[in-house]
Protein backbone atom coordinates (compact mmCIF):
# COMPACT_ATOMS: atom_id res chain seq x y z
CA MET A 1 108.67 110.05 99.68
CA THR A 2 109.62 106.65 101.15
CA LYS A 3 109.05 103.76 98.76
CA PRO A 4 106.77 100.94 100.00
CA GLU A 5 109.43 98.39 99.03
CA ALA A 6 111.92 100.08 101.33
CA VAL A 7 109.37 100.21 104.23
CA THR A 8 108.64 96.50 103.75
CA GLU A 9 112.33 95.62 103.78
CA VAL A 10 112.84 97.56 107.00
CA LEU A 11 109.81 95.90 108.57
CA GLN A 12 111.08 92.50 107.73
CA LEU A 13 114.39 93.23 109.27
CA VAL A 14 112.62 94.53 112.47
CA LYS A 15 110.39 91.42 112.50
CA GLY A 16 113.40 89.10 112.27
CA VAL A 17 115.14 90.85 115.16
CA VAL A 18 111.97 90.79 117.28
CA ALA A 19 111.21 87.26 116.53
CA GLY A 20 114.77 85.97 117.15
CA THR A 21 115.14 87.93 120.37
CA ALA A 22 111.77 86.96 121.71
CA ALA A 23 112.38 83.30 120.93
CA TRP A 24 115.82 83.44 122.66
CA TRP A 25 114.30 85.16 125.77
CA LEU A 26 111.64 82.45 126.01
CA SER A 27 114.18 79.71 125.51
CA VAL A 28 116.44 81.08 128.21
CA ASN A 29 113.99 82.38 130.80
CA VAL A 30 110.84 80.23 130.33
CA LEU A 31 112.07 76.91 128.92
CA GLU A 32 115.55 77.21 130.69
CA SER A 33 117.06 75.54 127.62
CA GLN A 34 120.79 74.49 127.54
CA LEU A 35 120.61 74.94 123.75
CA PRO A 36 118.94 78.46 123.52
CA PHE A 37 119.94 78.92 119.86
CA LEU A 38 117.35 76.40 118.46
CA ALA A 39 114.30 78.50 119.25
CA PRO A 40 115.63 81.83 117.76
CA TRP A 41 117.10 79.95 114.77
CA THR A 42 113.77 78.43 113.98
CA ALA A 43 111.96 81.75 114.56
CA LEU A 44 114.26 83.53 112.05
CA LEU A 45 113.50 80.83 109.49
CA THR A 46 109.71 81.28 109.85
CA VAL A 47 109.67 85.05 109.36
CA HIS A 48 108.89 85.27 105.67
CA ALA A 49 107.73 88.08 103.39
CA THR A 50 104.03 87.23 103.77
CA VAL A 51 101.78 85.71 106.44
CA TYR A 52 100.82 82.92 104.13
CA ARG A 53 104.42 82.05 103.32
CA SER A 54 105.30 82.23 107.07
CA LEU A 55 102.53 79.80 107.78
CA SER A 56 103.19 77.29 104.94
CA ARG A 57 107.01 77.57 104.96
CA GLY A 58 107.23 78.01 108.68
CA LEU A 59 105.27 74.85 109.22
CA GLN A 60 107.64 73.02 106.91
CA THR A 61 110.60 74.45 108.81
CA THR A 62 109.16 73.39 112.12
CA ILE A 63 108.40 69.88 110.95
CA ALA A 64 111.84 69.52 109.27
CA SER A 65 113.56 70.78 112.54
CA ALA A 66 111.51 68.31 114.54
CA ILE A 67 112.51 65.52 112.26
CA GLY A 68 116.11 66.63 112.51
CA ILE A 69 115.99 66.50 116.28
CA ALA A 70 114.38 63.05 116.30
CA LEU A 71 116.94 61.81 113.74
CA SER A 72 119.93 63.14 115.68
CA PHE A 73 118.63 61.68 118.97
CA ALA A 74 118.05 58.31 117.41
CA ILE A 75 121.50 58.16 115.88
CA GLY A 76 123.20 59.57 119.00
CA VAL A 77 121.42 57.21 121.39
CA TRP A 78 121.67 53.97 119.30
CA LEU A 79 124.97 54.50 117.44
CA GLY A 80 126.75 57.15 119.35
CA VAL A 81 128.41 60.35 118.09
CA SER A 82 131.32 59.78 115.80
CA LEU A 83 132.64 60.88 112.42
CA TRP A 84 130.64 58.25 110.46
CA THR A 85 127.39 58.70 112.52
CA PHE A 86 127.58 62.49 111.99
CA ALA A 87 127.97 61.79 108.21
CA LEU A 88 125.07 59.31 108.42
CA ALA A 89 122.83 61.98 110.04
CA LEU A 90 123.63 64.41 107.28
CA LEU A 91 123.03 61.84 104.56
CA VAL A 92 119.64 60.91 105.96
CA GLY A 93 118.81 64.56 106.51
CA MET A 94 119.61 65.62 102.95
CA ILE A 95 117.66 62.61 101.57
CA GLY A 96 114.64 63.56 103.74
CA ALA A 97 114.95 67.15 102.46
CA ARG A 98 113.93 65.83 99.07
CA MET A 99 110.41 64.86 100.32
CA SER A 100 107.92 66.94 98.29
CA TRP A 101 105.80 68.19 101.14
CA ILE A 102 108.79 69.84 102.92
CA ARG A 103 111.06 70.39 99.93
CA ASP A 104 111.22 74.13 100.38
CA GLU A 105 112.59 74.01 103.89
CA GLY A 106 113.65 70.29 104.12
CA VAL A 107 117.31 71.18 104.54
CA ALA A 108 116.47 72.11 108.15
CA ILE A 109 116.52 68.32 108.92
CA ALA A 110 120.25 68.16 108.26
CA THR A 111 121.17 71.59 109.79
CA THR A 112 119.21 70.75 112.99
CA ALA A 113 121.00 67.41 113.23
CA VAL A 114 124.28 69.31 112.94
CA PHE A 115 123.34 71.63 115.81
CA VAL A 116 122.21 68.79 118.09
CA LEU A 117 125.02 66.35 117.44
CA GLY A 118 127.71 69.05 117.35
CA SER A 119 126.82 70.78 120.65
CA GLY A 120 127.59 68.23 123.27
CA PHE A 121 125.04 65.52 122.53
CA ASN A 122 125.72 63.38 125.57
CA SER A 123 124.51 66.10 127.93
CA GLN A 124 121.41 66.54 125.73
CA ALA A 125 120.31 62.96 125.38
CA PRO A 126 117.65 63.06 128.09
CA LEU A 127 116.04 66.32 126.77
CA LEU A 128 114.40 65.22 123.58
CA GLY A 129 111.05 66.70 124.61
CA ASP A 130 112.65 70.09 125.52
CA ARG A 131 114.37 70.29 122.12
CA MET A 132 111.09 69.58 120.37
CA LEU A 133 109.38 72.24 122.34
CA GLU A 134 111.98 74.88 121.47
CA VAL A 135 111.56 74.47 117.71
CA CYS A 136 107.82 74.50 117.99
CA VAL A 137 107.59 77.76 119.89
CA GLY A 138 106.21 79.52 116.77
CA VAL A 139 107.41 83.05 117.67
CA GLY A 140 108.34 83.89 114.04
CA LEU A 141 104.80 83.13 112.76
CA ALA A 142 103.30 85.12 115.66
CA VAL A 143 105.43 88.19 114.97
CA ASN A 144 104.69 88.21 111.25
CA PHE A 145 100.99 87.68 111.96
CA LEU A 146 100.68 90.44 114.58
CA LEU A 147 103.29 93.06 113.64
CA ILE A 148 102.02 94.90 110.60
CA PRO A 149 101.42 91.84 108.36
CA PRO A 150 102.67 92.86 104.83
CA MET A 151 100.35 93.91 102.04
CA ARG A 152 102.01 94.30 98.68
CA ASP A 153 99.16 96.00 96.72
CA ILE A 154 100.80 99.42 96.79
CA GLN A 155 103.90 98.05 95.09
CA ALA A 156 101.77 96.37 92.46
CA THR A 157 99.82 99.57 91.85
CA GLN A 158 103.11 101.51 91.45
CA TYR A 159 104.40 99.14 88.88
CA MET A 160 101.23 99.38 86.76
CA ASP A 161 101.10 103.18 87.02
CA SER A 162 104.84 103.31 85.90
CA ILE A 163 104.10 101.13 82.82
CA ASN A 164 101.09 103.26 81.93
CA ARG A 165 103.11 106.51 82.18
CA GLN A 166 105.87 105.03 80.05
CA MET A 167 103.35 104.00 77.40
CA GLY A 168 101.85 107.53 77.49
CA ASP A 169 105.29 109.22 77.17
CA VAL A 170 106.16 107.10 74.10
CA LEU A 171 102.92 107.89 72.49
CA ASN A 172 103.20 111.54 73.27
CA ASN A 173 106.69 111.55 71.88
CA MET A 174 105.53 109.82 68.76
CA ALA A 175 102.82 112.35 68.27
CA SER A 176 105.29 115.26 68.70
CA GLU A 177 107.93 113.80 66.41
CA PHE A 178 105.43 112.62 63.72
CA ALA A 179 103.79 116.05 63.63
CA THR A 180 107.01 117.31 61.92
CA SER A 181 109.38 114.64 60.88
CA TRP A 182 111.41 111.73 62.27
CA ASP A 183 114.01 109.16 61.31
CA THR A 184 114.77 105.50 61.88
CA ASP A 185 116.98 106.37 64.96
CA GLN A 186 113.96 107.89 66.70
CA ALA A 187 111.81 104.94 65.74
CA ASP A 188 114.50 102.53 67.09
CA ALA A 189 114.47 104.50 70.35
CA TRP A 190 110.70 103.96 70.56
CA LEU A 191 111.12 100.33 69.95
CA ARG A 192 113.75 99.98 72.66
CA GLU A 193 111.52 101.74 75.10
CA ALA A 194 108.62 99.42 74.29
CA GLU A 195 110.92 96.40 74.77
CA SER A 196 112.10 97.69 78.13
CA MET A 197 108.50 97.89 79.24
CA SER A 198 108.10 94.15 78.45
CA ALA A 199 110.97 93.48 80.99
CA GLU A 200 109.24 95.71 83.51
CA LEU A 201 106.01 93.92 82.94
CA GLU A 202 107.69 90.66 84.12
CA LEU A 203 108.58 92.34 87.36
CA ALA A 204 105.07 93.70 87.66
CA TRP A 205 103.65 90.19 87.28
CA GLN A 206 105.94 88.96 90.01
CA THR A 207 104.87 91.76 92.28
CA VAL A 208 101.15 91.20 91.60
CA ARG A 209 101.51 87.47 92.38
CA PHE A 210 103.23 88.48 95.60
CA ALA A 211 100.50 90.96 96.41
CA ARG A 212 97.94 88.22 95.98
CA GLU A 213 99.89 85.99 98.32
CA SER A 214 100.14 88.83 100.89
CA GLU A 215 96.36 88.84 101.05
CA ARG A 216 96.06 85.20 102.19
CA VAL A 217 95.72 84.41 105.85
CA ASN A 218 96.32 88.14 106.52
CA PRO A 219 94.22 89.81 109.30
CA ARG A 220 94.62 93.19 107.45
CA THR A 221 92.64 91.82 104.49
CA GLY A 222 89.67 91.19 106.64
CA LEU A 223 89.99 94.57 108.36
CA ARG A 224 90.03 96.28 104.98
CA ARG A 225 86.91 94.47 103.83
CA ARG A 226 85.07 95.47 107.02
CA ARG A 227 86.09 99.15 106.53
CA THR A 228 84.85 99.01 102.89
CA ARG A 229 81.49 97.65 104.01
CA THR A 230 81.11 100.27 106.71
CA GLY A 231 82.10 103.12 104.23
CA GLN A 232 85.08 104.38 106.15
CA THR A 233 87.76 106.35 104.29
CA GLN A 234 90.13 104.19 102.42
CA GLY A 235 93.74 104.69 101.61
CA PRO A 236 95.38 103.77 98.25
CA GLY A 237 95.08 100.25 97.28
CA ILE A 238 92.53 99.40 99.95
CA GLU A 239 90.18 97.71 97.51
CA MET A 240 92.42 95.05 95.93
CA ALA A 241 92.20 95.55 92.21
CA ASN A 242 91.99 92.88 89.56
CA TYR A 243 95.56 93.50 88.71
CA GLU A 244 95.93 90.45 86.55
CA ASN A 245 93.26 91.75 84.07
CA ILE A 246 95.02 95.15 83.91
CA LEU A 247 98.42 93.62 83.40
CA GLU A 248 97.02 91.41 80.59
CA ARG A 249 95.69 94.54 78.89
CA ALA A 250 99.10 96.27 79.52
CA ASP A 251 100.79 93.30 77.88
CA GLU A 252 98.64 93.64 74.86
CA GLY A 253 99.28 97.40 74.80
CA VAL A 254 103.06 96.94 74.78
CA VAL A 255 102.81 94.41 71.96
CA HIS A 256 100.79 96.89 69.85
CA LEU A 257 103.19 99.69 70.80
CA ARG A 258 106.13 97.66 69.61
CA HIS A 259 104.31 96.95 66.32
CA LEU A 260 103.51 100.58 65.99
CA ALA A 261 107.26 101.52 66.46
CA ARG A 262 108.29 98.95 63.89
CA THR A 263 105.72 100.24 61.39
CA LEU A 264 106.95 103.87 61.83
CA ARG A 265 110.61 102.66 61.45
CA GLU A 266 109.69 101.04 58.21
CA GLY A 267 107.69 104.07 57.19
CA ALA A 268 110.68 106.24 57.71
CA GLN A 269 112.56 104.33 55.02
CA ILE A 270 109.93 104.77 52.41
CA GLU A 271 110.46 107.54 49.86
CA GLY A 272 108.05 110.29 49.44
CA GLU A 273 106.10 112.58 51.80
CA TRP A 274 103.38 111.54 54.16
CA ASP A 275 99.90 112.65 53.46
CA ALA A 276 99.38 115.85 55.43
CA ARG A 277 95.72 115.14 56.21
CA PHE A 278 96.64 111.69 57.67
CA ARG A 279 99.58 113.08 59.58
CA GLU A 280 97.47 115.82 61.23
CA ARG A 281 94.50 113.68 62.18
CA TRP A 282 96.51 110.60 63.25
CA VAL A 283 98.87 112.69 65.41
CA GLU A 284 95.91 114.26 67.21
CA ILE A 285 94.52 110.77 68.15
CA VAL A 286 97.97 109.49 69.20
CA GLY A 287 98.44 112.49 71.54
CA GLN A 288 94.99 112.04 73.03
CA VAL A 289 95.64 108.37 73.83
CA GLY A 290 99.13 109.12 75.11
CA HIS A 291 97.68 111.73 77.48
CA ALA A 292 95.10 109.19 78.73
CA PHE A 293 97.88 106.73 79.64
CA ALA A 294 100.21 109.25 81.17
CA ASP A 295 97.70 111.20 83.30
CA GLU A 296 95.89 109.25 86.06
CA ASP A 297 93.09 111.76 86.01
CA ALA A 298 92.54 111.61 82.29
CA ASP A 299 89.80 109.66 80.60
CA VAL A 300 89.32 108.40 77.08
CA GLU A 301 86.56 106.49 75.29
CA ALA A 302 87.61 104.03 72.78
CA GLU A 303 84.59 104.11 70.51
CA PRO A 304 84.77 107.79 69.45
CA ILE A 305 88.52 107.38 68.74
CA GLN A 306 87.97 104.22 66.75
CA GLU A 307 85.15 105.94 64.82
CA ARG A 308 87.59 108.78 64.03
CA LEU A 309 90.15 106.30 62.79
CA ILE A 310 87.68 104.56 60.67
CA GLN A 311 86.49 107.85 59.25
CA LEU A 312 90.07 108.79 58.58
CA GLY A 313 90.50 105.73 56.40
CA ILE A 314 87.17 106.33 54.58
CA ASP A 315 88.08 109.97 53.87
CA LEU A 316 91.54 109.05 52.47
CA GLN A 317 89.96 106.35 50.30
CA ALA A 318 87.14 108.68 49.08
CA GLU A 319 89.66 111.35 48.03
CA GLY A 320 91.61 108.73 46.19
CA GLN A 321 94.94 110.58 46.40
CA LEU A 322 96.94 107.94 48.20
CA PRO A 323 99.09 105.61 46.08
CA PRO A 324 98.18 101.97 46.47
CA GLN A 325 101.45 101.05 48.04
CA SER A 326 100.74 103.47 51.01
CA TRP A 327 97.65 101.68 52.13
CA PRO A 328 99.28 98.82 54.02
CA LEU A 329 101.45 101.28 55.98
CA TYR A 330 98.60 103.70 56.77
CA GLY A 331 96.16 100.84 57.50
CA SER A 332 98.60 99.27 59.96
CA LEU A 333 99.02 102.60 61.87
CA ILE A 334 95.27 103.07 62.03
CA ALA A 335 94.74 99.43 63.17
CA SER A 336 97.42 99.66 65.94
CA MET A 337 96.05 102.84 67.29
CA SER A 338 92.50 101.35 67.36
CA HIS A 339 93.81 98.51 69.60
CA ILE A 340 95.77 100.84 71.81
CA ALA A 341 92.80 103.15 72.27
CA ALA A 342 90.65 100.29 73.40
CA ILE A 343 93.30 99.30 75.91
CA ALA A 344 93.61 102.85 77.17
CA ASP A 345 89.77 103.00 77.56
CA ASP A 346 89.86 99.86 79.69
CA ILE A 347 92.65 100.95 81.90
CA THR A 348 91.46 104.58 82.41
CA SER A 349 87.94 103.29 83.19
CA ALA A 350 89.37 100.91 85.73
CA ARG A 351 91.37 103.73 87.39
CA ALA A 352 88.39 106.05 87.46
CA ALA A 353 86.29 103.32 89.09
CA GLY A 354 88.87 102.78 91.68
CA GLU A 355 88.26 99.03 91.60
CA PRO A 356 89.52 97.63 88.34
CA SER A 357 87.47 94.40 87.94
CA GLY A 358 86.62 92.12 85.06
CA ALA A 359 83.49 94.24 84.66
CA HIS A 360 85.53 97.28 83.73
CA VAL A 361 88.59 95.68 82.15
CA LYS A 362 87.34 93.51 79.34
CA SER A 363 89.14 92.32 76.26
CA ARG A 364 88.23 94.25 73.14
CA GLU A 365 89.51 93.57 69.68
CA GLY A 366 89.47 96.16 66.87
């Protein structure tokens, strides 16, 4: 199955080629330009990964290029073209690139001046208006707006599903190993896996922010909303989820998972056998929660699990067979699983609803 990221990259390549070629054709056949590279160059610079970025950054590029043309014509007409005036144009262009409102694309001031002054300026001097028109054609923006404007919600969903599956796999592995025995090496492996999830969460946050940007000024966003209102069949990711809330809960889940792994690593170094009743009941809960994370169709309710965890502590206390030094360890494992179960409840409820919003994904403590 083709990954959405690969499809998006291919589309961006196609858009760049279409935008540059169309701008060149217009420059040669419609504008009859003697510098036909200005229009396709500007078009390529304005084809960005999202429509919003094409609009905001493309506008900066167009303005910067227009300033560069005006700068080069002013210097060329009044001071002529020479080594020092070429250097002057570059200096002024690079200084202008520091202006905050065009900082992202301000270097186009200098590069446009290089093109104009370095391509036979004397023959171009009377054509200031034509050069301005070429950089303002706007083909790049039109192509990105009309040719399958990108939506990055599928990539964001994939990242979150991957993190959920990894959390589920670690919990299931914990349940399997803890049901018999384990050592510090296994606990270290769980800790490394949890830490790797933190790195993947950073990428997930970047993808989610990109997905939000891809919605802005995008005609496909409005089309999806109209389809939702009319009840038409939707594809995956049609209803933009509140990814930020889910990722915040996933962040919390990974933190508790790391704490759980550290606790088990410390527990492996303690002399003596684990209480068989605790091991059996705690393993069952861990396996259930792990299955809820790993299986997209699974469901879990936090309250019954938390009640079972509380009852487990009550039963152990009532029987009075645990040594006092064991309670901090057992209590930490119970508390960590209580938090993780609440997070699993939030995420599975959001998946089941198909529209993870703040109403479904809410912060729960203990």
